[in-house]
């Protein structure tokens, strides 16, 4: 396969925002009667929209208020506003793609306001991605549906079968498979088994991405 474009997830792939977010959700759900481990949050909740995360928490027994989704975002933005680091190696991956003339974009289930906070803390990276950030909230379609990735590919002017996706969630890997795109499942702390099960190739180190893409 010759990759002609790459679509990156945002949280956990470009910015390392998931550890503080998982800790935030764990504490917040505990307030409403749901004790849940970080591991369970990471494996069963990560990758969905915040609305879907709330639905799953309610199904598991959390007595979340009706307005939880409306009031949680400002608190999340405030927490992330303290700053989250970039994933190690992602800037080098962007450099390699630029050098090869391969375009790239972002396809995230998170809202634009959240990415404005996390990516905006890194102006040089944010500038590179300007005009190529696609949010599920903008289009009304979220992973694991493939439409978000298909929209990103269309904006890049590249056929889906010529795109590669980098995602750290099962929902993202499913969306890539449904879109007919090659997928690298980013899991730097594990064996990637849950992502491999959805058709992805395990990527453990972002520094390895250019080589894996054949650059």
Protein backbone atom coordinates (compact mmCIF):
# COMPACT_ATOMS: atom_id res chain seq x y z
CA UNK A 1 0.00 0.00 0.00
CA UNK A 2 1.21 3.48 -0.88
CA UNK A 3 -0.11 5.93 1.68
CA UNK A 4 -1.17 9.24 0.15
CA UNK A 5 -2.69 10.84 3.29
CA UNK A 6 -2.75 10.24 7.04
CA UNK A 7 -5.59 10.97 9.47
CA UNK A 8 -4.69 11.32 13.14
CA UNK A 9 -6.95 11.07 16.15
CA UNK A 10 -6.23 13.89 18.61
CA UNK A 11 -6.44 12.79 22.27
CA UNK A 12 -3.85 10.15 23.03
CA UNK A 13 -2.32 10.38 19.56
CA UNK A 14 -1.26 14.02 19.10
CA UNK A 15 -1.69 15.30 22.65
CA UNK A 16 -1.27 13.23 25.79
CA UNK A 17 -4.56 14.42 27.27
CA UNK A 18 -6.08 11.09 28.20
CA UNK A 19 -4.36 10.43 31.57
CA UNK A 20 -5.69 13.65 33.18
CA UNK A 21 -9.08 13.21 31.51
CA UNK A 22 -9.42 9.62 32.74
CA UNK A 23 -8.52 10.70 36.27
CA UNK A 24 -11.05 13.52 36.03
CA UNK A 25 -13.82 11.15 34.89
CA UNK A 26 -12.95 8.59 37.55
CA UNK A 27 -13.33 11.21 40.29
CA UNK A 28 -16.45 12.71 38.74
CA UNK A 29 -18.25 9.38 38.38
CA UNK A 30 -17.35 8.52 41.97
CA UNK A 31 -19.29 11.63 43.04
CA UNK A 32 -22.36 10.06 41.47
CA UNK A 33 -21.98 6.59 42.91
CA UNK A 34 -19.90 4.81 40.26
CA UNK A 35 -16.51 3.47 41.32
CA UNK A 36 -14.57 2.53 38.21
CA UNK A 37 -10.91 1.79 37.50
CA UNK A 38 -8.72 3.78 35.15
CA UNK A 39 -8.17 0.58 33.16
CA UNK A 40 -11.90 0.08 32.63
CA UNK A 41 -12.34 3.72 31.63
CA UNK A 42 -9.49 3.41 29.16
CA UNK A 43 -10.68 0.16 27.58
CA UNK A 44 -14.46 0.68 27.61
CA UNK A 45 -15.01 4.44 27.50
CA UNK A 46 -12.14 6.05 25.58
CA UNK A 47 -12.85 6.94 21.97
CA UNK A 48 -16.51 7.81 22.30
CA UNK A 49 -18.14 11.19 22.51
CA UNK A 50 -18.59 12.64 25.98
CA UNK A 51 -22.33 12.12 25.58
CA UNK A 52 -21.76 8.41 24.96
CA UNK A 53 -19.34 8.25 27.90
CA UNK A 54 -22.13 9.66 30.10
CA UNK A 55 -24.61 7.13 28.73
CA UNK A 56 -22.26 4.25 29.53
CA UNK A 57 -21.67 5.60 33.03
CA UNK A 58 -25.43 5.77 33.64
CA UNK A 59 -25.81 2.21 32.32
CA UNK A 60 -23.12 1.16 34.83
CA UNK A 61 -24.97 2.83 37.70
CA UNK A 62 -23.81 6.46 37.86
CA UNK A 63 -26.62 8.80 38.91
CA UNK A 64 -25.49 11.60 36.61
CA UNK A 65 -27.75 14.67 36.54
CA UNK A 66 -29.71 15.38 33.38
CA UNK A 67 -27.50 18.39 32.60
CA UNK A 68 -24.21 16.54 33.16
CA UNK A 69 -23.07 16.81 29.55
CA UNK A 70 -23.65 20.58 29.55
CA UNK A 71 -21.84 21.29 32.79
CA UNK A 72 -18.99 18.82 32.40
CA UNK A 73 -17.39 20.41 29.34
CA UNK A 74 -16.50 23.74 31.02
CA UNK A 75 -14.86 21.82 33.85
CA UNK A 76 -12.97 19.60 31.40
CA UNK A 77 -11.76 22.63 29.44
CA UNK A 78 -10.59 24.29 32.64
CA UNK A 79 -8.71 21.16 33.66
CA UNK A 80 -7.06 20.73 30.25
CA UNK A 81 -6.27 24.44 30.15
CA UNK A 82 -3.47 23.76 32.61
CA UNK A 83 -1.68 22.26 29.61
CA UNK A 84 -1.13 18.77 28.23
CA UNK A 85 2.07 17.62 26.50
CA UNK A 86 2.40 16.45 22.93
CA UNK A 87 2.84 12.74 22.29
CA UNK A 88 6.55 12.08 21.96
CA UNK A 89 7.49 11.70 18.31
CA UNK A 90 4.39 13.24 16.76
CA UNK A 91 6.18 16.39 15.59
CA UNK A 92 8.85 14.24 13.95
CA UNK A 93 6.09 12.28 12.22
CA UNK A 94 4.59 15.52 10.91
CA UNK A 95 8.05 16.58 9.70
CA UNK A 96 8.50 13.31 7.81
CA UNK A 97 5.06 13.61 6.19
CA UNK A 98 5.76 17.20 5.16
CA UNK A 99 9.10 16.20 3.68
CA UNK A 100 7.40 13.44 1.68
CA UNK A 101 4.62 15.75 0.51
CA UNK A 102 1.96 13.61 2.19
CA UNK A 103 -0.97 15.61 3.61
CA UNK A 104 -2.49 14.86 6.99
CA UNK A 105 -5.52 15.82 9.02
CA UNK A 106 -7.21 15.26 12.37
CA UNK A 107 -10.42 13.27 12.87
CA UNK A 108 -11.63 13.37 16.48
CA UNK A 109 -14.80 12.60 18.39
CA UNK A 110 -13.95 15.54 20.66
CA UNK A 111 -15.45 19.01 20.18
CA UNK A 112 -13.50 21.76 18.46
CA UNK A 113 -13.49 23.77 21.69
CA UNK A 114 -11.57 20.98 23.40
CA UNK A 115 -9.00 20.77 20.59
CA UNK A 116 -8.67 24.56 20.65
CA UNK A 117 -7.54 24.14 24.26
CA UNK A 118 -5.25 21.11 23.92
CA UNK A 119 -3.75 21.80 20.49
CA UNK A 120 -3.84 25.55 21.04
CA UNK A 121 -1.31 25.15 23.85
CA UNK A 122 1.17 24.14 21.13
CA UNK A 123 0.98 26.99 18.59
CA UNK A 124 3.45 25.54 16.07
CA UNK A 125 1.54 22.25 15.85
CA UNK A 126 -1.83 24.01 15.89
CA UNK A 127 -0.72 26.15 12.95
CA UNK A 128 0.30 23.07 10.96
CA UNK A 129 -3.15 21.59 11.41
CA UNK A 130 -5.16 24.75 10.71
CA UNK A 131 -8.07 24.02 8.39
CA UNK A 132 -7.55 20.26 8.67
CA UNK A 133 -9.14 19.52 12.06
CA UNK A 134 -12.41 17.60 11.83
CA UNK A 135 -14.68 17.11 14.84
CA UNK A 136 -17.56 14.67 15.19
CA UNK A 137 -19.51 17.52 16.78
CA UNK A 138 -19.19 19.59 13.61
CA UNK A 139 -20.57 16.95 11.29
CA UNK A 140 -22.94 15.08 13.59
CA UNK A 141 -21.23 11.75 13.02
CA UNK A 142 -18.87 9.99 15.39
CA UNK A 143 -16.55 7.01 15.39
CA UNK A 144 -17.09 4.03 15.12
CA UNK A 145 -19.12 5.25 12.12
CA UNK A 146 -16.71 5.79 9.22
CA UNK A 147 -18.11 9.11 8.01
CA UNK A 148 -15.74 11.36 9.97
CA UNK A 149 -12.70 9.74 8.38
CA UNK A 150 -14.36 9.76 4.96
CA UNK A 151 -15.03 13.49 5.34
CA UNK A 152 -11.39 14.11 6.29
CA UNK A 153 -10.20 12.10 3.28
CA UNK A 154 -12.48 14.06 0.96
CA UNK A 155 -11.13 17.36 2.30
CA UNK A 156 -7.60 16.09 1.66
CA UNK A 157 -8.59 15.03 -1.86
CA UNK A 158 -7.43 11.45 -1.32
CA UNK A 159 -9.38 8.22 -1.87
CA UNK A 160 -10.17 6.31 1.36
CA UNK A 161 -8.17 3.27 0.28
CA UNK A 162 -5.06 5.48 0.01
CA UNK A 163 -5.38 6.81 3.57
CA UNK A 164 -3.91 5.59 6.83
CA UNK A 165 -5.45 6.28 10.24
CA UNK A 166 -3.59 6.60 13.53
CA UNK A 167 -5.95 6.01 16.46
CA UNK A 168 -5.71 4.74 20.02
CA UNK A 169 -9.31 3.63 20.52
CA UNK A 170 -11.30 0.63 19.39
CA UNK A 171 -13.98 2.95 18.00
CA UNK A 172 -11.39 4.68 15.83
CA UNK A 173 -9.98 1.39 14.57
CA UNK A 174 -13.49 0.17 13.73
CA UNK A 175 -14.21 3.43 11.90
CA UNK A 176 -11.01 3.09 9.88
CA UNK A 177 -11.86 -0.49 8.92
CA UNK A 178 -15.37 0.51 7.89
CA UNK A 179 -13.94 3.37 5.84
CA UNK A 180 -11.61 0.98 4.03
CA UNK A 181 -8.50 2.64 5.46
CA UNK A 182 -5.32 1.12 6.83
CA UNK A 183 -5.12 1.67 10.58
CA UNK A 184 -2.27 1.84 13.05
CA UNK A 185 -3.53 1.29 16.58
CA UNK A 186 -1.41 3.47 18.86
CA UNK A 187 -0.84 1.80 22.22
CA UNK A 188 2.49 2.83 23.75
CA UNK A 189 1.85 1.17 27.09
CA UNK A 190 0.38 -2.19 26.05
CA UNK A 191 0.41 -4.88 23.42
CA UNK A 192 -2.32 -3.29 21.32
CA UNK A 193 -4.42 -6.47 21.45
CA UNK A 194 -7.78 -4.68 21.68
CA UNK A 195 -6.85 -2.55 18.65
CA UNK A 196 -5.40 -5.44 16.67
CA UNK A 197 -8.70 -7.27 17.25
CA UNK A 198 -10.39 -4.50 15.26
CA UNK A 199 -8.04 -4.87 12.30
CA UNK A 200 -5.32 -2.38 13.24
CA UNK A 201 -1.57 -2.83 13.24
CA UNK A 202 0.00 -2.13 16.62
CA UNK A 203 2.09 1.05 16.81
CA UNK A 204 3.95 1.35 20.10
CA UNK A 205 6.19 4.34 19.40
CA UNK A 206 5.23 7.39 17.33
CA UNK A 207 8.88 7.73 16.28
CA UNK A 208 8.37 4.51 14.30
CA UNK A 209 5.45 5.85 12.25
CA UNK A 210 7.44 7.25 9.30
CA UNK A 211 9.18 3.90 8.82
CA UNK A 212 5.90 2.00 9.15
CA UNK A 213 4.45 4.28 6.44
CA UNK A 214 7.40 3.51 4.19
CA UNK A 215 8.86 7.01 4.35
